[in-house]
C-alpha atoms as a PDB file:
ATOM      1  CA  MET A   1     143.479  16.688  63.039  1.00  0.00           C
ATOM      2  CA  PRO A   2     139.594  15.105  61.375  1.00  0.00           C
ATOM      3  CA  SER A   3     140.041  13.772  57.818  1.00  0.00           C
ATOM      4  CA  ASP A   4     136.147  15.014  57.135  1.00  0.00           C
ATOM      5  CA  ARG A   5     137.062  19.360  58.314  1.00  0.00           C
ATOM      6  CA  ARG A   6     135.598  22.087  55.860  1.00  0.00           C
ATOM      7  CA  SER A   7     137.906  24.671  54.193  1.00  0.00           C
ATOM      8  CA  ARG A   8     137.857  27.997  55.795  1.00  0.00           C
ATOM      9  CA  ILE A   9     138.623  31.151  53.666  1.00  0.00           C
ATOM     10  CA  GLU A  10     138.476  34.597  55.038  1.00  0.00           C
ATOM     11  CA  ARG A  11     135.845  36.582  54.309  1.00  0.00           C
ATOM     12  CA  GLY A  12     135.545  40.806  55.208  1.00  0.00           C
ATOM     13  CA  GLY A  13     137.902  39.988  58.224  1.00  0.00           C
ATOM     14  CA  ALA A  14     135.807  36.944  59.041  1.00  0.00           C
ATOM     15  CA  ILE A  15     136.326  33.494  58.543  1.00  0.00           C
ATOM     16  CA  GLU A  16     133.176  31.228  57.090  1.00  0.00           C
ATOM     17  CA  LEU A  17     133.060  27.402  55.205  1.00  0.00           C
ATOM     18  CA  ALA A  18     134.031  27.713  52.112  1.00  0.00           C
ATOM     19  CA  GLY A  19     130.513  26.773  49.398  1.00  0.00           C
ATOM     20  CA  GLY A  20     128.321  29.279  52.353  1.00  0.00           C
ATOM     21  CA  GLU A  21     128.016  25.910  54.040  1.00  0.00           C
ATOM     22  CA  HIS A  22     126.163  26.406  57.459  1.00  0.00           C
ATOM     23  CA  ARG A  23     125.543  22.892  59.018  1.00  0.00           C
ATOM     24  CA  LEU A  24     127.655  24.364  62.035  1.00  0.00           C
ATOM     25  CA  ARG A  25     125.053  27.375  63.092  1.00  0.00           C
ATOM     26  CA  GLU A  26     121.820  25.184  62.613  1.00  0.00           C
ATOM     27  CA  LEU A  27     123.561  23.336  65.682  1.00  0.00           C
ATOM     28  CA  ILE A  28     124.211  26.084  67.731  1.00  0.00           C
ATOM     29  CA  ARG A  29     120.299  27.289  66.743  1.00  0.00           C
ATOM     30  CA  ALA A  30     119.969  23.799  67.527  1.00  0.00           C
ATOM     31  CA  GLN A  31     121.878  23.522  70.861  1.00  0.00           C
ATOM     32  CA  LEU A  32     120.111  27.187  72.109  1.00  0.00           C
ATOM     33  CA  GLU A  33     116.638  24.942  71.861  1.00  0.00           C
ATOM     34  CA  LEU A  34     118.344  21.448  73.690  1.00  0.00           C
ATOM     35  CA  LEU A  35     119.132  24.234  76.254  1.00  0.00           C
ATOM     36  CA  GLY A  36     115.788  25.334  76.426  1.00  0.00           C
ATOM     37  CA  GLU A  37     116.682  28.669  74.801  1.00  0.00           C
ATOM     38  CA  ASP A  38     113.976  30.320  71.761  1.00  0.00           C
ATOM     39  CA  PRO A  39     116.528  30.722  68.932  1.00  0.00           C
ATOM     40  CA  GLY A  40     114.423  33.599  67.406  1.00  0.00           C
ATOM     41  CA  ARG A  41     113.955  35.617  70.547  1.00  0.00           C
ATOM     42  CA  GLU A  42     115.838  39.082  69.708  1.00  0.00           C
ATOM     43  CA  GLY A  43     119.268  38.974  71.368  1.00  0.00           C
ATOM     44  CA  LEU A  44     119.273  35.140  70.475  1.00  0.00           C
ATOM     45  CA  GLY A  45     118.834  36.295  66.449  1.00  0.00           C
ATOM     46  CA  ASP A  46     121.736  36.279  65.708  1.00  0.00           C
ATOM     47  CA  THR A  47     123.926  34.251  67.514  1.00  0.00           C
ATOM     48  CA  PRO A  48     123.942  31.019  65.854  1.00  0.00           C
ATOM     49  CA  GLU A  49     126.025  32.865  62.988  1.00  0.00           C
ATOM     50  CA  ARG A  50     128.337  35.107  65.408  1.00  0.00           C
ATOM     51  CA  VAL A  51     129.204  32.017  67.429  1.00  0.00           C
ATOM     52  CA  GLU A  52     129.884  29.489  63.726  1.00  0.00           C
ATOM     53  CA  ARG A  53     131.875  32.449  63.402  1.00  0.00           C
ATOM     54  CA  SER A  54     133.856  32.562  66.376  1.00  0.00           C
ATOM     55  CA  LEU A  55     133.948  29.054  66.657  1.00  0.00           C
ATOM     56  CA  LEU A  56     136.185  29.748  63.165  1.00  0.00           C
ATOM     57  CA  TRP A  57     137.686  32.116  64.094  1.00  0.00           C
ATOM     58  CA  LEU A  58     139.038  30.047  67.232  1.00  0.00           C
ATOM     59  CA  THR A  59     140.163  27.581  66.312  1.00  0.00           C
ATOM     60  CA  ARG A  60     142.068  28.807  62.304  1.00  0.00           C
ATOM     61  CA  GLY A  61     145.316  27.247  63.115  1.00  0.00           C
ATOM     62  CA  TYR A  62     143.595  23.650  61.821  1.00  0.00           C
ATOM     63  CA  GLU A  63     143.959  25.594  58.686  1.00  0.00           C
ATOM     64  CA  MET A  64     147.726  27.162  59.330  1.00  0.00           C
ATOM     65  CA  THR A  65     151.328  25.090  59.134  1.00  0.00           C
ATOM     66  CA  VAL A  66     154.014  25.755  60.381  1.00  0.00           C
ATOM     67  CA  GLU A  67     155.858  26.402  56.768  1.00  0.00           C
ATOM     68  CA  GLU A  68     153.143  28.941  55.953  1.00  0.00           C
ATOM     69  CA  VAL A  69     154.033  31.367  59.145  1.00  0.00           C
ATOM     70  CA  ILE A  70     157.816  31.290  58.858  1.00  0.00           C
ATOM     71  CA  GLY A  71     157.719  32.073  55.009  1.00  0.00           C
ATOM     72  CA  ASP A  72     161.411  33.128  55.074  1.00  0.00           C
ATOM     73  CA  GLY A  73     162.182  34.008  57.923  1.00  0.00           C
ATOM     74  CA  VAL A  74     164.962  31.610  58.890  1.00  0.00           C
ATOM     75  CA  PHE A  75     168.632  33.555  58.667  1.00  0.00           C
ATOM     76  CA  GLU A  76     172.413  31.920  58.528  1.00  0.00           C
ATOM     77  CA  ALA A  77     173.477  33.280  61.269  1.00  0.00           C
ATOM     78  CA  ASP A  78     177.166  32.694  63.767  1.00  0.00           C
ATOM     79  CA  HIS A  79     175.128  33.802  67.183  1.00  0.00           C
ATOM     80  CA  ASP A  80     175.970  31.050  69.146  1.00  0.00           C
ATOM     81  CA  GLU A  81     174.133  32.474  72.361  1.00  0.00           C
ATOM     82  CA  MET A  82     170.718  31.830  74.379  1.00  0.00           C
ATOM     83  CA  VAL A  83     167.593  33.758  72.297  1.00  0.00           C
ATOM     84  CA  ILE A  84     164.792  33.265  74.096  1.00  0.00           C
ATOM     85  CA  VAL A  85     161.261  35.692  73.526  1.00  0.00           C
ATOM     86  CA  LYS A  86     158.855  36.313  76.614  1.00  0.00           C
ATOM     87  CA  ASP A  87     155.014  36.855  77.592  1.00  0.00           C
ATOM     88  CA  VAL A  88     153.961  35.726  74.261  1.00  0.00           C
ATOM     89  CA  GLU A  89     150.133  35.966  75.056  1.00  0.00           C
ATOM     90  CA  ILE A  90     147.909  32.682  73.688  1.00  0.00           C
ATOM     91  CA  TYR A  91     144.690  32.412  73.756  1.00  0.00           C
ATOM     92  CA  SER A  92     143.111  28.648  73.003  1.00  0.00           C
ATOM     93  CA  MET A  93     140.668  26.412  73.765  1.00  0.00           C
ATOM     94  CA  CYS A  94     140.695  23.317  75.757  1.00  0.00           C
ATOM     95  CA  GLU A  95     139.584  20.246  73.723  1.00  0.00           C
ATOM     96  CA  HIS A  96     137.775  18.887  77.499  1.00  0.00           C
ATOM     97  CA  HIS A  97     135.264  21.347  77.619  1.00  0.00           C
ATOM     98  CA  MET A  98     135.571  23.755  74.545  1.00  0.00           C
ATOM     99  CA  LEU A  99     136.099  26.100  76.904  1.00  0.00           C
ATOM    100  CA  PRO A 100     139.194  28.908  76.744  1.00  0.00           C
ATOM    101  CA  PHE A 101     142.372  29.153  78.735  1.00  0.00           C
ATOM    102  CA  PHE A 102     144.507  31.973  78.107  1.00  0.00           C
ATOM    103  CA  GLY A 103     148.166  33.413  79.324  1.00  0.00           C
ATOM    104  CA  LYS A 104     152.083  33.378  78.371  1.00  0.00           C
ATOM    105  CA  ALA A 105     154.739  31.278  76.508  1.00  0.00           C
ATOM    106  CA  HIS A 106     157.788  32.340  76.974  1.00  0.00           C
ATOM    107  CA  ILE A 107     159.961  30.614  74.098  1.00  0.00           C
ATOM    108  CA  ALA A 108     164.021  29.783  73.711  1.00  0.00           C
ATOM    109  CA  TYR A 109     166.573  28.192  71.900  1.00  0.00           C
ATOM    110  CA  ILE A 110     170.493  28.038  71.371  1.00  0.00           C
ATOM    111  CA  PRO A 111     171.516  28.581  67.458  1.00  0.00           C
ATOM    112  CA  ASP A 112     173.355  26.437  65.106  1.00  0.00           C
ATOM    113  CA  GLY A 113     173.806  28.721  62.123  1.00  0.00           C
ATOM    114  CA  ARG A 114     170.006  29.818  62.073  1.00  0.00           C
ATOM    115  CA  ILE A 115     167.564  32.246  63.454  1.00  0.00           C
ATOM    116  CA  LEU A 116     164.392  32.783  62.623  1.00  0.00           C
ATOM    117  CA  GLY A 117     163.057  36.137  62.755  1.00  0.00           C
ATOM    118  CA  PHE A 118     161.601  37.376  66.366  1.00  0.00           C
ATOM    119  CA  SER A 119     158.302  37.541  64.909  1.00  0.00           C
ATOM    120  CA  LYS A 120     157.665  33.999  63.323  1.00  0.00           C
ATOM    121  CA  LEU A 121     157.581  32.576  67.033  1.00  0.00           C
ATOM    122  CA  PRO A 122     154.542  33.971  68.428  1.00  0.00           C
ATOM    123  CA  ARG A 123     153.054  32.951  64.634  1.00  0.00           C
ATOM    124  CA  ILE A 124     154.421  28.816  65.551  1.00  0.00           C
ATOM    125  CA  VAL A 125     152.472  29.710  68.915  1.00  0.00           C
ATOM    126  CA  GLU A 126     149.316  31.016  66.913  1.00  0.00           C
ATOM    127  CA  VAL A 127     149.085  28.075  64.513  1.00  0.00           C
ATOM    128  CA  PHE A 128     148.868  25.347  66.922  1.00  0.00           C
ATOM    129  CA  ALA A 129     146.803  27.732  69.611  1.00  0.00           C
ATOM    130  CA  ARG A 130     144.495  28.064  67.905  1.00  0.00           C
ATOM    131  CA  ARG A 131     142.811  24.671  67.637  1.00  0.00           C
ATOM    132  CA  LEU A 132     141.384  22.520  70.715  1.00  0.00           C
ATOM    133  CA  GLN A 133     144.352  21.778  73.295  1.00  0.00           C
ATOM    134  CA  VAL A 134     145.615  20.553  75.894  1.00  0.00           C
ATOM    135  CA  GLN A 135     147.917  22.577  77.396  1.00  0.00           C
ATOM    136  CA  GLU A 136     150.641  19.783  77.440  1.00  0.00           C
ATOM    137  CA  ARG A 137     150.610  19.038  74.629  1.00  0.00           C
ATOM    138  CA  LEU A 138     150.200  22.611  72.755  1.00  0.00           C
ATOM    139  CA  THR A 139     153.682  23.143  75.030  1.00  0.00           C
ATOM    140  CA  ASP A 140     155.503  20.320  73.162  1.00  0.00           C
ATOM    141  CA  GLN A 141     154.306  21.017  69.933  1.00  0.00           C
ATOM    142  CA  ILE A 142     155.502  24.347  69.732  1.00  0.00           C
ATOM    143  CA  ALA A 143     159.078  23.765  71.008  1.00  0.00           C
ATOM    144  CA  ARG A 144     159.399  20.518  68.016  1.00  0.00           C
ATOM    145  CA  ALA A 145     157.885  23.006  65.132  1.00  0.00           C
ATOM    146  CA  ILE A 146     160.771  25.098  65.866  1.00  0.00           C
ATOM    147  CA  GLN A 147     163.459  22.316  66.932  1.00  0.00           C
ATOM    148  CA  GLU A 148     162.319  20.825  63.473  1.00  0.00           C
ATOM    149  CA  ILE A 149     162.741  24.127  61.192  1.00  0.00           C
ATOM    150  CA  VAL A 150     165.282  25.968  62.885  1.00  0.00           C
ATOM    151  CA  ARG A 151     167.596  23.028  63.764  1.00  0.00           C
ATOM    152  CA  PRO A 152     169.163  24.783  66.673  1.00  0.00           C
ATOM    153  CA  LYS A 153     171.236  23.040  69.401  1.00  0.00           C
ATOM    154  CA  GLY A 154     168.544  22.991  71.041  1.00  0.00           C
ATOM    155  CA  VAL A 155     165.246  24.736  72.025  1.00  0.00           C
ATOM    156  CA  GLY A 156     163.204  25.480  75.606  1.00  0.00           C
ATOM    157  CA  VAL A 157     159.596  26.169  75.662  1.00  0.00           C
ATOM    158  CA  VAL A 158     157.487  26.946  79.173  1.00  0.00           C
ATOM    159  CA  ILE A 159     153.752  28.025  79.085  1.00  0.00           C
ATOM    160  CA  GLU A 160     151.677  29.882  82.035  1.00  0.00           C
ATOM    161  CA  ALA A 161     148.129  29.252  81.293  1.00  0.00           C
ATOM    162  CA  ALA A 162     144.868  29.546  83.045  1.00  0.00           C
ATOM    163  CA  HIS A 163     141.603  27.406  82.415  1.00  0.00           C
ATOM    164  CA  LEU A 164     138.399  28.661  82.258  1.00  0.00           C
ATOM    165  CA  CYS A 165     137.135  24.622  83.113  1.00  0.00           C
ATOM    166  CA  MET A 166     138.447  25.150  86.327  1.00  0.00           C
ATOM    167  CA  MET A 167     137.465  28.417  86.865  1.00  0.00           C
ATOM    168  CA  MET A 168     134.422  28.552  86.113  1.00  0.00           C
ATOM    169  CA  ARG A 169     132.880  25.003  86.401  1.00  0.00           C
ATOM    170  CA  GLY A 170     134.363  22.016  88.463  1.00  0.00           C
ATOM    171  CA  VAL A 171     136.735  23.297  91.304  1.00  0.00           C
ATOM    172  CA  GLU A 172     136.388  27.089  90.192  1.00  0.00           C
ATOM    173  CA  LYS A 173     139.647  27.710  91.815  1.00  0.00           C
ATOM    174  CA  GLN A 174     139.876  31.533  90.650  1.00  0.00           C
ATOM    175  CA  ASN A 175     143.705  31.789  91.216  1.00  0.00           C
ATOM    176  CA  SER A 176     145.101  28.803  89.849  1.00  0.00           C
ATOM    177  CA  ARG A 177     147.360  28.941  86.995  1.00  0.00           C
ATOM    178  CA  THR A 178     149.264  25.215  85.296  1.00  0.00           C
ATOM    179  CA  ILE A 179     152.934  25.630  83.824  1.00  0.00           C
ATOM    180  CA  THR A 180     153.926  23.143  81.233  1.00  0.00           C
ATOM    181  CA  SER A 181     157.442  22.806  79.890  1.00  0.00           C
ATOM    182  CA  SER A 182     159.079  21.482  77.136  1.00  0.00           C
ATOM    183  CA  VAL A 183     162.773  20.439  76.286  1.00  0.00           C
ATOM    184  CA  GLN A 184     164.335  19.821  73.507  1.00  0.00           C
ATOM    185  CA  GLY A 185     168.494  19.078  72.587  1.00  0.00           C
ATOM    186  CA  ILE A 186     170.498  20.753  74.854  1.00  0.00           C
ATOM    187  CA  PHE A 187     167.510  21.930  77.333  1.00  0.00           C
ATOM    188  CA  ARG A 188     167.222  18.191  77.900  1.00  0.00           C
ATOM    189  CA  SER A 189     170.561  16.596  78.444  1.00  0.00           C
ATOM    190  CA  ASP A 190     172.524  20.119  80.174  1.00  0.00           C
ATOM    191  CA  GLN A 191     171.286  20.892  83.564  1.00  0.00           C
ATOM    192  CA  ARG A 192     173.132  24.330  83.424  1.00  0.00           C
ATOM    193  CA  THR A 193     171.558  25.583  80.352  1.00  0.00           C
ATOM    194  CA  ARG A 194     167.776  24.392  81.323  1.00  0.00           C
ATOM    195  CA  ASP A 195     168.689  26.132  84.983  1.00  0.00           C
ATOM    196  CA  GLU A 196     169.913  28.974  82.580  1.00  0.00           C
ATOM    197  CA  PHE A 197     166.090  29.307  80.337  1.00  0.00           C
ATOM    198  CA  LEU A 198     164.402  28.641  83.355  1.00  0.00           C
ATOM    199  CA  ARG A 199     165.756  31.232  85.428  1.00  0.00           C
ATOM    200  CA  LEU A 200     165.323  33.882  82.658  1.00  0.00           C
ATOM    201  CA  VAL A 201     161.810  32.780  82.394  1.00  0.00           C
ATOM    202  CA  ALA A 202     161.917  33.315  86.182  1.00  0.00           C
ATOM    203  CA  SER A 203     163.616  36.864  86.699  1.00  0.00           C
ATOM    204  CA  HIS A 204     161.242  39.871  86.004  1.00  0.00           C
ATOM    205  CA  SER A 205     160.376  41.558  82.526  1.00  0.00           C
ATOM    206  CA  PHE A 206     161.481  44.227  81.397  1.00  0.00           C
ATOM    207  CA  GLN A 207     159.180  47.514  81.817  1.00  0.00           C
ATOM    208  CA  SER A 208     159.200  49.868  79.487  1.00  0.00           C
END
């Protein structure tokens, strides 16, 4: 994480840089000029400010910590079977091209005397997804965070995502999907546990 990053504040549902600093929007205005656009024309007049706020929102994970989003959401419990939460929506930005990638995360863990409130798993995802990322690291960070906070017997995370840097540019493959996984503890050491996790991930989702 950059050591000179600016603190952010939330104001009226939007995120701004603390101290009223607007250097980011000035850089965006200069970028528009370098692209051959007139940042003062109709339609672009407010674009630098909008893009600034959008980027700060999309990367707000830099101001979040796992400990803060978990709070008191870890509970003592004697449940010792696999807990799995599927289809957690993910929106992130590729650090190579700063283009979005999006998809779903499937998360499982086997408790060892402690369980995590269901809503906390998507919140952990947000902490790491709302940053400039690569999918491999994102997957691993989610798994390691759950392992460190809950201390379960093991954790498994699978992410399926579509990358706009592959769909809009370069190879331009519209239907490609990238799948990454990270396993910790018994999910790594025991083949049957890992197979059960992957089977449950591959099974059809519940339809209400």
